[in-house]
């Protein structure tokens, strides 16, 4: 398994309200997508980006980070082999992502994802 990218996932009460800060103040003007509960904002100049989310649509909690990988099945097997808690099972989501959530030993929850 290879990590392709890591994206901060920030929990916010309201996506539209958050957009003012992240898009206007920080300059992350390009909204790559907005599913109504999660949106990704990206700088058109540098490509720097982050995601804001209110409440995950299909998982029991919000992750702190999304880690995109090139082989989701290997990532899951390795997490299980190491005894890490899987808090959201491997799922192919309607929005085109295959993912699972794993809890790190420090308690942080990571969204491990592969685009399909």
PDB file of N, CA and C in Angstrom:
ATOM      1  N   UNK A   1       0.841  -1.180   0.000  1.00  0.00           N
ATOM      2  CA  UNK A   1       0.000   0.000   0.000  1.00  0.00           C
ATOM      3  C   UNK A   1       0.883   1.239   0.000  1.00  0.00           C
ATOM      4  N   UNK A   2       0.457   2.209  -0.771  1.00  0.00           N
ATOM      5  CA  UNK A   2       1.176   3.477  -0.860  1.00  0.00           C
ATOM      6  C   UNK A   2       0.209   4.617  -0.568  1.00  0.00           C
ATOM      7  N   UNK A   3       0.617   5.571   0.264  1.00  0.00           N
ATOM      8  CA  UNK A   3      -0.190   6.756   0.540  1.00  0.00           C
ATOM      9  C   UNK A   3      -0.031   7.720  -0.622  1.00  0.00           C
ATOM     10  N   UNK A   4      -1.165   8.168  -1.160  1.00  0.00           N
ATOM     11  CA  UNK A   4      -1.170   9.083  -2.297  1.00  0.00           C
ATOM     12  C   UNK A   4      -1.296  10.530  -1.835  1.00  0.00           C
ATOM     13  N   UNK A   5      -2.188  10.768  -0.856  1.00  0.00           N
ATOM     14  CA  UNK A   5      -2.352  12.116  -0.319  1.00  0.00           C
ATOM     15  C   UNK A   5      -3.005  12.040   1.050  1.00  0.00           C
ATOM     16  N   UNK A   6      -2.838  13.108   1.805  1.00  0.00           N
ATOM     17  CA  UNK A   6      -3.446  13.236   3.127  1.00  0.00           C
ATOM     18  C   UNK A   6      -4.175  14.566   3.156  1.00  0.00           C
ATOM     19  N   UNK A   7      -5.440  14.530   3.573  1.00  0.00           N
ATOM     20  CA  UNK A   7      -6.288  15.720   3.578  1.00  0.00           C
ATOM     21  C   UNK A   7      -6.847  15.917   4.982  1.00  0.00           C
ATOM     22  N   UNK A   8      -6.681  17.103   5.538  1.00  0.00           N
ATOM     23  CA  UNK A   8      -7.274  17.417   6.845  1.00  0.00           C
ATOM     24  C   UNK A   8      -8.788  17.433   6.711  1.00  0.00           C
ATOM     25  N   UNK A   9      -9.481  16.834   7.686  1.00  0.00           N
ATOM     26  CA  UNK A   9     -10.946  16.841   7.758  1.00  0.00           C
ATOM     27  C   UNK A   9     -11.341  17.640   8.987  1.00  0.00           C
ATOM     28  N   UNK A  10     -11.910  18.814   8.775  1.00  0.00           N
ATOM     29  CA  UNK A  10     -12.287  19.678   9.882  1.00  0.00           C
ATOM     30  C   UNK A  10     -13.792  19.639  10.095  1.00  0.00           C
ATOM     31  N   UNK A  11     -14.203  19.315  11.303  1.00  0.00           N
ATOM     32  CA  UNK A  11     -15.627  19.307  11.633  1.00  0.00           C
ATOM     33  C   UNK A  11     -16.094  20.742  11.837  1.00  0.00           C
ATOM     34  N   UNK A  12     -17.191  21.087  11.177  1.00  0.00           N
ATOM     35  CA  UNK A  12     -17.764  22.431  11.268  1.00  0.00           C
ATOM     36  C   UNK A  12     -19.278  22.310  11.448  1.00  0.00           C
ATOM     37  N   UNK A  13     -19.912  23.301  12.073  1.00  0.00           N
ATOM     38  CA  UNK A  13     -21.363  23.221  12.232  1.00  0.00           C
ATOM     39  C   UNK A  13     -22.138  23.524  10.955  1.00  0.00           C
ATOM     40  N   UNK A  14     -21.552  24.331  10.043  1.00  0.00           N
ATOM     41  CA  UNK A  14     -22.270  24.758   8.841  1.00  0.00           C
ATOM     42  C   UNK A  14     -21.282  24.953   7.691  1.00  0.00           C
ATOM     43  N   UNK A  15     -21.497  24.244   6.569  1.00  0.00           N
ATOM     44  CA  UNK A  15     -20.570  24.331   5.432  1.00  0.00           C
ATOM     45  C   UNK A  15     -20.527  25.722   4.811  1.00  0.00           C
ATOM     46  N   UNK A  16     -21.687  26.341   4.642  1.00  0.00           N
ATOM     47  CA  UNK A  16     -21.726  27.659   4.012  1.00  0.00           C
ATOM     48  C   UNK A  16     -21.019  28.707   4.861  1.00  0.00           C
ATOM     49  N   UNK A  17     -21.233  28.631   6.161  1.00  0.00           N
ATOM     50  CA  UNK A  17     -20.578  29.567   7.069  1.00  0.00           C
ATOM     51  C   UNK A  17     -19.061  29.362   7.042  1.00  0.00           C
ATOM     52  N   UNK A  18     -18.628  28.120   7.014  1.00  0.00           N
ATOM     53  CA  UNK A  18     -17.197  27.813   6.989  1.00  0.00           C
ATOM     54  C   UNK A  18     -16.541  28.302   5.705  1.00  0.00           C
ATOM     55  N   UNK A  19     -17.290  28.292   4.622  1.00  0.00           N
ATOM     56  CA  UNK A  19     -16.739  28.677   3.320  1.00  0.00           C
ATOM     57  C   UNK A  19     -16.175  30.094   3.345  1.00  0.00           C
ATOM     58  N   UNK A  20     -16.800  30.988   4.086  1.00  0.00           N
ATOM     59  CA  UNK A  20     -16.307  32.358   4.172  1.00  0.00           C
ATOM     60  C   UNK A  20     -14.868  32.423   4.673  1.00  0.00           C
ATOM     61  N   UNK A  21     -14.572  31.641   5.693  1.00  0.00           N
ATOM     62  CA  UNK A  21     -13.221  31.637   6.249  1.00  0.00           C
ATOM     63  C   UNK A  21     -12.244  30.921   5.334  1.00  0.00           C
ATOM     64  N   UNK A  22     -12.582  29.695   4.960  1.00  0.00           N
ATOM     65  CA  UNK A  22     -11.643  28.872   4.203  1.00  0.00           C
ATOM     66  C   UNK A  22     -11.461  29.337   2.766  1.00  0.00           C
ATOM     67  N   UNK A  23     -12.530  29.757   2.115  1.00  0.00           N
ATOM     68  CA  UNK A  23     -12.431  30.199   0.722  1.00  0.00           C
ATOM     69  C   UNK A  23     -11.978  31.655   0.627  1.00  0.00           C
ATOM     70  N   UNK A  24     -12.636  32.516   1.380  1.00  0.00           N
ATOM     71  CA  UNK A  24     -12.342  33.943   1.253  1.00  0.00           C
ATOM     72  C   UNK A  24     -11.055  34.346   1.977  1.00  0.00           C
ATOM     73  N   UNK A  25     -10.959  33.999   3.257  1.00  0.00           N
ATOM     74  CA  UNK A  25      -9.798  34.421   4.038  1.00  0.00           C
ATOM     75  C   UNK A  25      -8.533  33.636   3.672  1.00  0.00           C
ATOM     76  N   UNK A  26      -8.607  32.302   3.650  1.00  0.00           N
ATOM     77  CA  UNK A  26      -7.424  31.490   3.361  1.00  0.00           C
ATOM     78  C   UNK A  26      -7.130  31.351   1.869  1.00  0.00           C
ATOM     79  N   UNK A  27      -8.073  31.725   1.026  1.00  0.00           N
ATOM     80  CA  UNK A  27      -7.840  31.672  -0.415  1.00  0.00           C
ATOM     81  C   UNK A  27      -8.026  30.298  -1.037  1.00  0.00           C
ATOM     82  N   UNK A  28      -8.709  29.396  -0.322  1.00  0.00           N
ATOM     83  CA  UNK A  28      -8.993  28.063  -0.868  1.00  0.00           C
ATOM     84  C   UNK A  28     -10.298  28.154  -1.661  1.00  0.00           C
ATOM     85  N   UNK A  29     -10.252  28.870  -2.758  1.00  0.00           N
ATOM     86  CA  UNK A  29     -11.450  29.286  -3.489  1.00  0.00           C
ATOM     87  C   UNK A  29     -12.115  28.202  -4.316  1.00  0.00           C
ATOM     88  N   UNK A  30     -11.353  27.241  -4.815  1.00  0.00           N
ATOM     89  CA  UNK A  30     -11.952  26.205  -5.656  1.00  0.00           C
ATOM     90  C   UNK A  30     -12.653  25.175  -4.779  1.00  0.00           C
ATOM     91  N   UNK A  31     -13.948  25.040  -4.952  1.00  0.00           N
ATOM     92  CA  UNK A  31     -14.704  24.019  -4.233  1.00  0.00           C
ATOM     93  C   UNK A  31     -14.739  22.796  -5.153  1.00  0.00           C
ATOM     94  N   UNK A  32     -13.857  21.839  -4.877  1.00  0.00           N
ATOM     95  CA  UNK A  32     -13.749  20.655  -5.733  1.00  0.00           C
ATOM     96  C   UNK A  32     -15.033  19.847  -5.738  1.00  0.00           C
ATOM     97  N   UNK A  33     -15.673  19.753  -4.596  1.00  0.00           N
ATOM     98  CA  UNK A  33     -16.975  19.101  -4.504  1.00  0.00           C
ATOM     99  C   UNK A  33     -17.668  19.565  -3.238  1.00  0.00           C
ATOM    100  N   UNK A  34     -18.982  19.412  -3.227  1.00  0.00           N
ATOM    101  CA  UNK A  34     -19.795  19.719  -2.056  1.00  0.00           C
ATOM    102  C   UNK A  34     -20.967  18.746  -2.076  1.00  0.00           C
ATOM    103  N   UNK A  35     -20.971  17.812  -1.112  1.00  0.00           N
ATOM    104  CA  UNK A  35     -22.036  16.814  -1.032  1.00  0.00           C
ATOM    105  C   UNK A  35     -23.128  17.207  -0.055  1.00  0.00           C
ATOM    106  N   UNK A  36     -23.074  18.436   0.436  1.00  0.00           N
ATOM    107  CA  UNK A  36     -24.075  18.899   1.395  1.00  0.00           C
ATOM    108  C   UNK A  36     -23.676  18.656   2.842  1.00  0.00           C
ATOM    109  N   UNK A  37     -22.771  17.721   3.059  1.00  0.00           N
ATOM    110  CA  UNK A  37     -22.267  17.442   4.414  1.00  0.00           C
ATOM    111  C   UNK A  37     -20.744  17.476   4.450  1.00  0.00           C
ATOM    112  N   UNK A  38     -20.102  17.440   3.277  1.00  0.00           N
ATOM    113  CA  UNK A  38     -18.645  17.544   3.168  1.00  0.00           C
ATOM    114  C   UNK A  38     -18.302  18.323   1.901  1.00  0.00           C
ATOM    115  N   UNK A  39     -17.302  19.190   2.019  1.00  0.00           N
ATOM    116  CA  UNK A  39     -16.839  19.959   0.863  1.00  0.00           C
ATOM    117  C   UNK A  39     -15.316  20.051   0.929  1.00  0.00           C
ATOM    118  N   UNK A  40     -14.684  20.031  -0.245  1.00  0.00           N
ATOM    119  CA  UNK A  40     -13.231  20.198  -0.305  1.00  0.00           C
ATOM    120  C   UNK A  40     -12.927  21.537  -0.944  1.00  0.00           C
ATOM    121  N   UNK A  41     -12.092  22.326  -0.255  1.00  0.00           N
ATOM    122  CA  UNK A  41     -11.671  23.635  -0.732  1.00  0.00           C
ATOM    123  C   UNK A  41     -10.189  23.584  -1.084  1.00  0.00           C
ATOM    124  N   UNK A  42      -9.848  24.156  -2.249  1.00  0.00           N
ATOM    125  CA  UNK A  42      -8.487  24.078  -2.763  1.00  0.00           C
ATOM    126  C   UNK A  42      -8.022  25.446  -3.248  1.00  0.00           C
ATOM    127  N   UNK A  43      -6.740  25.722  -3.032  1.00  0.00           N
ATOM    128  CA  UNK A  43      -6.144  26.950  -3.542  1.00  0.00           C
ATOM    129  C   UNK A  43      -5.909  26.787  -5.042  1.00  0.00           C
ATOM    130  N   UNK A  44      -6.422  27.713  -5.853  1.00  0.00           N
ATOM    131  CA  UNK A  44      -6.174  27.624  -7.295  1.00  0.00           C
ATOM    132  C   UNK A  44      -4.703  27.895  -7.632  1.00  0.00           C
ATOM    133  N   UNK A  45      -3.976  28.527  -6.732  1.00  0.00           N
ATOM    134  CA  UNK A  45      -2.577  28.877  -6.978  1.00  0.00           C
ATOM    135  C   UNK A  45      -1.604  27.770  -6.590  1.00  0.00           C
ATOM    136  N   UNK A  46      -1.869  27.098  -5.454  1.00  0.00           N
ATOM    137  CA  UNK A  46      -0.893  26.137  -4.935  1.00  0.00           C
ATOM    138  C   UNK A  46      -1.374  24.695  -4.905  1.00  0.00           C
ATOM    139  N   UNK A  47      -2.683  24.490  -4.966  1.00  0.00           N
ATOM    140  CA  UNK A  47      -3.232  23.141  -4.854  1.00  0.00           C
ATOM    141  C   UNK A  47      -3.424  22.688  -3.415  1.00  0.00           C
ATOM    142  N   UNK A  48      -3.034  23.516  -2.445  1.00  0.00           N
ATOM    143  CA  UNK A  48      -3.270  23.181  -1.036  1.00  0.00           C
ATOM    144  C   UNK A  48      -4.773  23.038  -0.816  1.00  0.00           C
ATOM    145  N   UNK A  49      -5.168  22.066   0.004  1.00  0.00           N
ATOM    146  CA  UNK A  49      -6.594  21.836   0.180  1.00  0.00           C
ATOM    147  C   UNK A  49      -6.903  21.272   1.559  1.00  0.00           C
ATOM    148  N   UNK A  50      -8.180  21.350   1.907  1.00  0.00           N
ATOM    149  CA  UNK A  50      -8.705  20.717   3.109  1.00  0.00           C
ATOM    150  C   UNK A  50     -10.175  20.456   2.900  1.00  0.00           C
ATOM    151  N   UNK A  51     -10.713  19.578   3.740  1.00  0.00           N
ATOM    152  CA  UNK A  51     -12.134  19.252   3.688  1.00  0.00           C
ATOM    153  C   UNK A  51     -12.788  19.733   4.968  1.00  0.00           C
ATOM    154  N   UNK A  52     -14.018  20.219   4.833  1.00  0.00           N
ATOM    155  CA  UNK A  52     -14.846  20.569   5.983  1.00  0.00           C
ATOM    156  C   UNK A  52     -16.082  19.684   5.930  1.00  0.00           C
ATOM    157  N   UNK A  53     -16.501  19.206   7.098  1.00  0.00           N
ATOM    158  CA  UNK A  53     -17.671  18.349   7.123  1.00  0.00           C
ATOM    159  C   UNK A  53     -18.494  18.604   8.369  1.00  0.00           C
ATOM    160  N   UNK A  54     -19.804  18.460   8.199  1.00  0.00           N
ATOM    161  CA  UNK A  54     -20.708  18.638   9.333  1.00  0.00           C
ATOM    162  C   UNK A  54     -20.848  17.318  10.078  1.00  0.00           C
ATOM    163  N   UNK A  55     -21.392  16.314   9.412  1.00  0.00           N
ATOM    164  CA  UNK A  55     -21.544  14.987  10.004  1.00  0.00           C
ATOM    165  C   UNK A  55     -21.446  13.972   8.882  1.00  0.00           C
ATOM    166  N   UNK A  56     -20.538  13.023   9.025  1.00  0.00           N
ATOM    167  CA  UNK A  56     -20.324  12.040   7.966  1.00  0.00           C
ATOM    168  C   UNK A  56     -21.638  11.355   7.609  1.00  0.00           C
ATOM    169  N   UNK A  57     -21.908  11.232   6.322  1.00  0.00           N
ATOM    170  CA  UNK A  57     -23.193  10.712   5.854  1.00  0.00           C
ATOM    171  C   UNK A  57     -23.404   9.231   6.124  1.00  0.00           C
ATOM    172  N   UNK A  58     -22.335   8.440   6.231  1.00  0.00           N
ATOM    173  CA  UNK A  58     -22.553   7.003   6.396  1.00  0.00           C
ATOM    174  C   UNK A  58     -21.735   6.370   7.514  1.00  0.00           C
ATOM    175  N   UNK A  59     -20.870   7.122   8.144  1.00  0.00           N
ATOM    176  CA  UNK A  59     -20.027   6.569   9.207  1.00  0.00           C
ATOM    177  C   UNK A  59     -20.493   7.085  10.566  1.00  0.00           C
ATOM    178  N   UNK A  60     -20.128   6.384  11.644  1.00  0.00           N
ATOM    179  CA  UNK A  60     -20.615   6.750  12.965  1.00  0.00           C
ATOM    180  C   UNK A  60     -19.947   7.978  13.577  1.00  0.00           C
ATOM    181  N   UNK A  61     -18.887   8.487  12.955  1.00  0.00           N
ATOM    182  CA  UNK A  61     -18.176   9.646  13.495  1.00  0.00           C
ATOM    183  C   UNK A  61     -17.423  10.335  12.380  1.00  0.00           C
ATOM    184  N   UNK A  62     -16.930  11.533  12.664  1.00  0.00           N
ATOM    185  CA  UNK A  62     -16.114  12.257  11.698  1.00  0.00           C
ATOM    186  C   UNK A  62     -14.649  11.882  11.884  1.00  0.00           C
ATOM    187  N   UNK A  63     -13.931  11.685  10.780  1.00  0.00           N
ATOM    188  CA  UNK A  63     -12.497  11.443  10.879  1.00  0.00           C
ATOM    189  C   UNK A  63     -11.759  12.772  11.068  1.00  0.00           C
ATOM    190  N   UNK A  64     -10.501  12.693  11.478  1.00  0.00           N
ATOM    191  CA  UNK A  64      -9.681  13.900  11.578  1.00  0.00           C
ATOM    192  C   UNK A  64      -8.866  14.095  10.300  1.00  0.00           C
ATOM    193  N   UNK A  65      -8.644  13.006   9.564  1.00  0.00           N
ATOM    194  CA  UNK A  65      -7.818  13.041   8.366  1.00  0.00           C
ATOM    195  C   UNK A  65      -8.344  12.005   7.380  1.00  0.00           C
ATOM    196  N   UNK A  66      -8.259  12.327   6.097  1.00  0.00           N
ATOM    197  CA  UNK A  66      -8.490  11.348   5.041  1.00  0.00           C
ATOM    198  C   UNK A  66      -7.150  11.002   4.434  1.00  0.00           C
ATOM    199  N   UNK A  67      -6.849   9.714   4.383  1.00  0.00           N
ATOM    200  CA  UNK A  67      -5.605   9.239   3.781  1.00  0.00           C
ATOM    201  C   UNK A  67      -5.999   8.465   2.529  1.00  0.00           C
ATOM    202  N   UNK A  68      -5.629   9.005   1.366  1.00  0.00           N
ATOM    203  CA  UNK A  68      -5.903   8.303   0.108  1.00  0.00           C
ATOM    204  C   UNK A  68      -4.760   7.327  -0.154  1.00  0.00           C
ATOM    205  N   UNK A  69      -5.134   6.096  -0.494  1.00  0.00           N
ATOM    206  CA  UNK A  69      -4.145   5.045  -0.745  1.00  0.00           C
ATOM    207  C   UNK A  69      -4.376   4.442  -2.126  1.00  0.00           C
ATOM    208  N   UNK A  70      -3.376   3.707  -2.599  1.00  0.00           N
ATOM    209  CA  UNK A  70      -3.485   3.075  -3.908  1.00  0.00           C
ATOM    210  C   UNK A  70      -4.037   1.657  -3.843  1.00  0.00           C
ATOM    211  N   UNK A  71      -4.159   1.083  -2.628  1.00  0.00           N
ATOM    212  CA  UNK A  71      -4.651  -0.286  -2.484  1.00  0.00           C
ATOM    213  C   UNK A  71      -5.411  -0.415  -1.166  1.00  0.00           C
ATOM    214  N   UNK A  72      -6.692  -0.165  -1.210  1.00  0.00           N
ATOM    215  CA  UNK A  72      -7.522  -0.143   0.002  1.00  0.00           C
ATOM    216  C   UNK A  72      -7.599  -1.508   0.672  1.00  0.00           C
ATOM    217  N   UNK A  73      -7.626  -2.574  -0.110  1.00  0.00           N
ATOM    218  CA  UNK A  73      -7.728  -3.919   0.465  1.00  0.00           C
ATOM    219  C   UNK A  73      -6.482  -4.263   1.282  1.00  0.00           C
ATOM    220  N   UNK A  74      -5.324  -3.921   0.764  1.00  0.00           N
ATOM    221  CA  UNK A  74      -4.082  -4.147   1.506  1.00  0.00           C
ATOM    222  C   UNK A  74      -4.041  -3.287   2.760  1.00  0.00           C
ATOM    223  N   UNK A  75      -4.504  -2.047   2.649  1.00  0.00           N
ATOM    224  CA  UNK A  75      -4.529  -1.152   3.813  1.00  0.00           C
ATOM    225  C   UNK A  75      -5.403  -1.727   4.929  1.00  0.00           C
ATOM    226  N   UNK A  76      -6.559  -2.264   4.559  1.00  0.00           N
ATOM    227  CA  UNK A  76      -7.453  -2.858   5.557  1.00  0.00           C
ATOM    228  C   UNK A  76      -6.821  -4.096   6.189  1.00  0.00           C
ATOM    229  N   UNK A  77      -6.288  -4.977   5.373  1.00  0.00           N
ATOM    230  CA  UNK A  77      -5.654  -6.196   5.915  1.00  0.00           C
ATOM    231  C   UNK A  77      -4.529  -5.852   6.893  1.00  0.00           C
ATOM    232  N   UNK A  78      -3.732  -4.858   6.555  1.00  0.00           N
ATOM    233  CA  UNK A  78      -2.619  -4.480   7.420  1.00  0.00           C
ATOM    234  C   UNK A  78      -3.124  -3.874   8.736  1.00  0.00           C
ATOM    235  N   UNK A  79      -4.156  -3.060   8.670  1.00  0.00           N
ATOM    236  CA  UNK A  79      -4.734  -2.492   9.898  1.00  0.00           C
ATOM    237  C   UNK A  79      -5.268  -3.606  10.795  1.00  0.00           C
ATOM    238  N   UNK A  80      -5.949  -4.578  10.193  1.00  0.00           N
ATOM    239  CA  UNK A  80      -6.477  -5.702  10.964  1.00  0.00           C
ATOM    240  C   UNK A  80      -5.352  -6.564  11.529  1.00  0.00           C
ATOM    241  N   UNK A  81      -4.322  -6.801  10.748  1.00  0.00           N
ATOM    242  CA  UNK A  81      -3.184  -7.602  11.209  1.00  0.00           C
ATOM    243  C   UNK A  81      -2.531  -6.966  12.433  1.00  0.00           C
ATOM    244  N   UNK A  82      -2.498  -5.645  12.440  1.00  0.00           N
ATOM    245  CA  UNK A  82      -1.887  -4.923  13.558  1.00  0.00           C
ATOM    246  C   UNK A  82      -2.828  -4.766  14.746  1.00  0.00           C
ATOM    247  N   UNK A  83      -4.074  -5.198  14.581  1.00  0.00           N
ATOM    248  CA  UNK A  83      -5.030  -5.143  15.684  1.00  0.00           C
ATOM    249  C   UNK A  83      -5.682  -3.791  15.907  1.00  0.00           C
ATOM    250  N   UNK A  84      -5.622  -2.918  14.915  1.00  0.00           N
ATOM    251  CA  UNK A  84      -6.252  -1.604  15.054  1.00  0.00           C
ATOM    252  C   UNK A  84      -7.772  -1.733  14.939  1.00  0.00           C
ATOM    253  N   UNK A  85      -8.465  -0.908  15.669  1.00  0.00           N
ATOM    254  CA  UNK A  85      -9.929  -0.924  15.664  1.00  0.00           C
ATOM    255  C   UNK A  85     -10.459  -0.337  14.352  1.00  0.00           C
ATOM    256  N   UNK A  86     -11.294  -1.092  13.670  1.00  0.00           N
ATOM    257  CA  UNK A  86     -11.976  -0.603  12.471  1.00  0.00           C
ATOM    258  C   UNK A  86     -13.324  -0.065  12.944  1.00  0.00           C
ATOM    259  N   UNK A  87     -13.515   1.239  12.841  1.00  0.00           N
ATOM    260  CA  UNK A  87     -14.735   1.859  13.371  1.00  0.00           C
ATOM    261  C   UNK A  87     -15.802   2.089  12.306  1.00  0.00           C
ATOM    262  N   UNK A  88     -15.452   1.895  11.050  1.00  0.00           N
ATOM    263  CA  UNK A  88     -16.406   1.934   9.930  1.00  0.00           C
ATOM    264  C   UNK A  88     -15.901   0.905   8.930  1.00  0.00           C
ATOM    265  N   UNK A  89     -16.718  -0.074   8.576  1.00  0.00           N
ATOM    266  CA  UNK A  89     -16.233  -1.172   7.724  1.00  0.00           C
ATOM    267  C   UNK A  89     -15.924  -0.713   6.309  1.00  0.00           C
ATOM    268  N   UNK A  90     -15.168  -1.529   5.608  1.00  0.00           N
ATOM    269  CA  UNK A  90     -14.866  -1.255   4.209  1.00  0.00           C
ATOM    270  C   UNK A  90     -16.180  -1.138   3.442  1.00  0.00           C
ATOM    271  N   UNK A  91     -16.372   0.005   2.805  1.00  0.00           N
ATOM    272  CA  UNK A  91     -17.633   0.323   2.139  1.00  0.00           C
ATOM    273  C   UNK A  91     -17.341   1.029   0.824  1.00  0.00           C
ATOM    274  N   UNK A  92     -18.072   0.660  -0.221  1.00  0.00           N
ATOM    275  CA  UNK A  92     -18.047   1.435  -1.454  1.00  0.00           C
ATOM    276  C   UNK A  92     -19.198   2.418  -1.371  1.00  0.00           C
ATOM    277  N   UNK A  93     -18.856   3.690  -1.278  1.00  0.00           N
ATOM    278  CA  UNK A  93     -19.854   4.737  -1.061  1.00  0.00           C
ATOM    279  C   UNK A  93     -20.486   5.173  -2.382  1.00  0.00           C
ATOM    280  N   UNK A  94     -21.725   5.670  -2.334  1.00  0.00           N
ATOM    281  CA  UNK A  94     -22.412   6.111  -3.555  1.00  0.00           C
ATOM    282  C   UNK A  94     -21.690   7.230  -4.306  1.00  0.00           C
ATOM    283  N   UNK A  95     -20.839   7.982  -3.611  1.00  0.00           N
ATOM    284  CA  UNK A  95     -20.144   9.086  -4.257  1.00  0.00           C
ATOM    285  C   UNK A  95     -18.816   8.655  -4.883  1.00  0.00           C
ATOM    286  N   UNK A  96     -18.576   7.348  -4.986  1.00  0.00           N
ATOM    287  CA  UNK A  96     -17.462   6.845  -5.775  1.00  0.00           C
ATOM    288  C   UNK A  96     -16.164   6.590  -5.032  1.00  0.00           C
ATOM    289  N   UNK A  97     -16.225   6.456  -3.724  1.00  0.00           N
ATOM    290  CA  UNK A  97     -15.035   6.201  -2.918  1.00  0.00           C
ATOM    291  C   UNK A  97     -15.209   4.878  -2.191  1.00  0.00           C
ATOM    292  N   UNK A  98     -14.149   4.105  -2.120  1.00  0.00           N
ATOM    293  CA  UNK A  98     -14.135   2.893  -1.307  1.00  0.00           C
ATOM    294  C   UNK A  98     -13.309   3.243  -0.080  1.00  0.00           C
ATOM    295  N   UNK A  99     -13.853   3.006   1.138  1.00  0.00           N
ATOM    296  CA  UNK A  99     -13.176   3.488   2.338  1.00  0.00           C
ATOM    297  C   UNK A  99     -13.512   2.675   3.572  1.00  0.00           C
ATOM    298  N   UNK A 100     -12.690   2.857   4.597  1.00  0.00           N
ATOM    299  CA  UNK A 100     -12.973   2.367   5.941  1.00  0.00           C
ATOM    300  C   UNK A 100     -12.357   3.356   6.918  1.00  0.00           C
ATOM    301  N   UNK A 101     -12.806   3.314   8.163  1.00  0.00           N
ATOM    302  CA  UNK A 101     -12.245   4.165   9.207  1.00  0.00           C
ATOM    303  C   UNK A 101     -11.480   3.288  10.176  1.00  0.00           C
ATOM    304  N   UNK A 102     -10.315   3.746  10.584  1.00  0.00           N
ATOM    305  CA  UNK A 102      -9.490   3.032  11.551  1.00  0.00           C
ATOM    306  C   UNK A 102      -9.099   3.998  12.672  1.00  0.00           C
ATOM    307  N   UNK A 103      -9.102   3.480  13.902  1.00  0.00           N
ATOM    308  CA  UNK A 103      -8.702   4.293  15.045  1.00  0.00           C
ATOM    309  C   UNK A 103      -7.217   4.049  15.317  1.00  0.00           C
ATOM    310  N   UNK A 104      -6.440   5.113  15.329  1.00  0.00           N
ATOM    311  CA  UNK A 104      -5.022   5.028  15.672  1.00  0.00           C
ATOM    312  C   UNK A 104      -4.901   4.748  17.171  1.00  0.00           C
ATOM    313  N   UNK A 105      -3.775   4.218  17.606  1.00  0.00           N
ATOM    314  CA  UNK A 105      -3.592   3.955  19.033  1.00  0.00           C
ATOM    315  C   UNK A 105      -3.780   5.188  19.919  1.00  0.00           C
ATOM    316  N   UNK A 106      -3.579   6.395  19.354  1.00  0.00           N
ATOM    317  CA  UNK A 106      -3.767   7.618  20.137  1.00  0.00           C
ATOM    318  C   UNK A 106      -5.222   8.077  20.203  1.00  0.00           C
ATOM    319  N   UNK A 107      -6.121   7.349  19.523  1.00  0.00           N
ATOM    320  CA  UNK A 107      -7.547   7.673  19.558  1.00  0.00           C
ATOM    321  C   UNK A 107      -8.066   8.413  18.341  1.00  0.00           C
ATOM    322  N   UNK A 108      -7.180   8.980  17.522  1.00  0.00           N
ATOM    323  CA  UNK A 108      -7.636   9.684  16.324  1.00  0.00           C
ATOM    324  C   UNK A 108      -8.212   8.693  15.323  1.00  0.00           C
ATOM    325  N   UNK A 109      -9.282   9.124  14.622  1.00  0.00           N
ATOM    326  CA  UNK A 109      -9.944   8.285  13.628  1.00  0.00           C
ATOM    327  C   UNK A 109      -9.553   8.774  12.233  1.00  0.00           C
ATOM    328  N   UNK A 110      -9.062   7.826  11.421  1.00  0.00           N
ATOM    329  CA  UNK A 110      -8.611   8.115  10.067  1.00  0.00           C
ATOM    330  C   UNK A 110      -9.558   7.479   9.057  1.00  0.00           C
ATOM    331  N   UNK A 111      -9.890   8.250   8.017  1.00  0.00           N
ATOM    332  CA  UNK A 111     -10.658   7.772   6.875  1.00  0.00           C
ATOM    333  C   UNK A 111      -9.630   7.299   5.852  1.00  0.00           C
ATOM    334  N   UNK A 112      -9.538   5.987   5.646  1.00  0.00           N
ATOM    335  CA  UNK A 112      -8.621   5.435   4.655  1.00  0.00           C
ATOM    336  C   UNK A 112      -9.447   5.201   3.387  1.00  0.00           C
ATOM    337  N   UNK A 113      -9.048   5.821   2.275  1.00  0.00           N
ATOM    338  CA  UNK A 113      -9.900   5.851   1.089  1.00  0.00           C
ATOM    339  C   UNK A 113      -9.124   5.589  -0.189  1.00  0.00           C
ATOM    340  N   UNK A 114      -9.849   5.015  -1.143  1.00  0.00           N
ATOM    341  CA  UNK A 114      -9.320   4.820  -2.498  1.00  0.00           C
ATOM    342  C   UNK A 114     -10.400   5.278  -3.471  1.00  0.00           C
ATOM    343  N   UNK A 115     -10.030   6.146  -4.406  1.00  0.00           N
ATOM    344  CA  UNK A 115     -10.976   6.604  -5.424  1.00  0.00           C
ATOM    345  C   UNK A 115     -11.249   5.480  -6.406  1.00  0.00           C
ATOM    346  N   UNK A 116     -12.484   5.401  -6.857  1.00  0.00           N
ATOM    347  CA  UNK A 116     -12.862   4.400  -7.860  1.00  0.00           C
ATOM    348  C   UNK A 116     -13.424   5.066  -9.074  1.00  0.00           C
TER     349      UNK A 116
END
